[in-house]
Amino acid sequence: MECQHRVDWGLLTFGMSIVTLSFLITTPETWVPNLGGDLPTPNYGFPYLSAAGRLILKDIIMMAGGLTVAAECANRILRRKAGGLA
């Protein structure tokens, strides 16, 4: 039953990361703002991330890790149910 809990936690981590990554779309503070000034500054907005935006990108690694853990444990559960060794 231990592997079932790992599947649940892996999927929970994956879902949490999806929600956090949605902040890149819904929160304007994740992109470098146009600070104005005398000269035109082309380095603002998409694809230039602010410090907050770069902090959110770490969730891509968490999302991949959660999905990997869930998939590996689900594979073990299916092999066990099929009668193979896990």
Protein backbone atom coordinates (compact mmCIF):
# COMPACT_ATOMS: atom_id res chain seq x y z
CA MET A 1 0.00 0.00 0.00
CA GLU A 2 3.02 2.25 0.39
CA CYS A 3 3.36 2.70 -3.37
CA GLN A 4 -0.27 3.87 -3.63
CA HIS A 5 0.53 6.74 -1.28
CA ARG A 6 3.51 7.68 -3.45
CA VAL A 7 1.26 7.81 -6.52
CA ASP A 8 -1.12 10.10 -4.63
CA TRP A 9 1.66 12.38 -3.41
CA GLY A 10 3.29 12.46 -6.85
CA LEU A 11 0.03 13.49 -8.50
CA LEU A 12 -0.59 16.06 -5.77
CA THR A 13 2.87 17.56 -6.37
CA PHE A 14 2.20 17.62 -10.12
CA GLY A 15 -1.13 19.40 -9.63
CA MET A 16 0.32 21.89 -7.17
CA SER A 17 3.05 22.76 -9.66
CA ILE A 18 0.52 23.33 -12.44
CA VAL A 19 -1.37 25.77 -10.20
CA THR A 20 1.82 27.61 -9.26
CA LEU A 21 2.99 27.80 -12.89
CA SER A 22 -0.33 29.41 -13.81
CA PHE A 23 0.92 32.47 -11.92
CA LEU A 24 3.20 33.13 -14.91
CA ILE A 25 0.08 33.86 -16.95
CA THR A 26 -2.14 35.52 -14.37
CA THR A 27 0.33 37.69 -12.42
CA PRO A 28 1.88 40.70 -14.16
CA GLU A 29 4.67 40.99 -11.55
CA THR A 30 6.36 37.88 -12.93
CA TRP A 31 7.52 39.80 -16.02
CA VAL A 32 10.06 42.66 -16.13
CA PRO A 33 8.06 45.93 -16.11
CA ASN A 34 8.57 48.79 -18.54
CA LEU A 35 10.43 51.33 -16.40
CA GLY A 36 10.10 54.09 -18.96
CA GLY A 37 12.92 56.58 -19.27
CA ASP A 38 14.35 58.64 -22.11
CA LEU A 39 15.53 55.78 -24.27
CA PRO A 40 13.25 53.02 -25.53
CA THR A 41 13.87 49.86 -23.54
CA PRO A 42 12.97 46.72 -25.51
CA ASN A 43 13.95 44.35 -22.68
CA TYR A 44 10.70 44.21 -20.74
CA GLY A 45 7.58 42.07 -20.73
CA PHE A 46 7.47 38.63 -22.32
CA PRO A 47 9.92 36.69 -22.39
CA TYR A 48 11.91 38.60 -19.73
CA LEU A 49 11.17 37.19 -16.27
CA SER A 50 11.52 39.17 -13.07
CA ALA A 51 12.98 37.63 -9.91
CA ALA A 52 9.49 36.45 -8.92
CA GLY A 53 9.01 34.83 -12.34
CA ARG A 54 12.32 33.01 -12.14
CA LEU A 55 11.40 31.73 -8.69
CA ILE A 56 8.21 30.21 -10.10
CA LEU A 57 10.16 28.33 -12.80
CA LYS A 58 11.60 25.96 -10.18
CA ASP A 59 8.18 24.34 -10.15
CA ILE A 60 8.87 22.80 -13.55
CA ILE A 61 11.42 20.56 -11.82
CA MET A 62 8.94 19.73 -9.04
CA MET A 63 6.25 18.96 -11.63
CA ALA A 64 8.55 16.58 -13.50
CA GLY A 65 9.64 14.91 -10.26
CA GLY A 66 6.07 14.40 -9.06
CA LEU A 67 5.02 12.93 -12.38
CA THR A 68 8.05 10.62 -12.43
CA VAL A 69 7.35 9.32 -8.92
CA ALA A 70 3.66 8.79 -9.68
CA ALA A 71 4.37 7.00 -12.98
CA GLU A 72 7.05 4.73 -11.51
CA CYS A 73 4.89 3.67 -8.56
CA ALA A 74 1.82 3.20 -10.78
CA ASN A 75 3.94 0.92 -12.97
CA ARG A 76 4.99 -1.10 -9.90
CA ILE A 77 1.36 -1.43 -8.77
CA LEU A 78 0.27 -2.64 -12.22
CA ARG A 79 3.10 -5.19 -12.38
CA ARG A 80 2.18 -6.46 -8.91
CA LYS A 81 -1.47 -6.86 -9.91
CA ALA A 82 -0.46 -8.70 -13.08
CA GLY A 83 1.46 -11.21 -10.99
CA GLY A 84 4.96 -10.05 -11.87
CA LEU A 85 7.67 -9.07 -9.46
CA ALA A 86 7.94 -5.41 -8.52
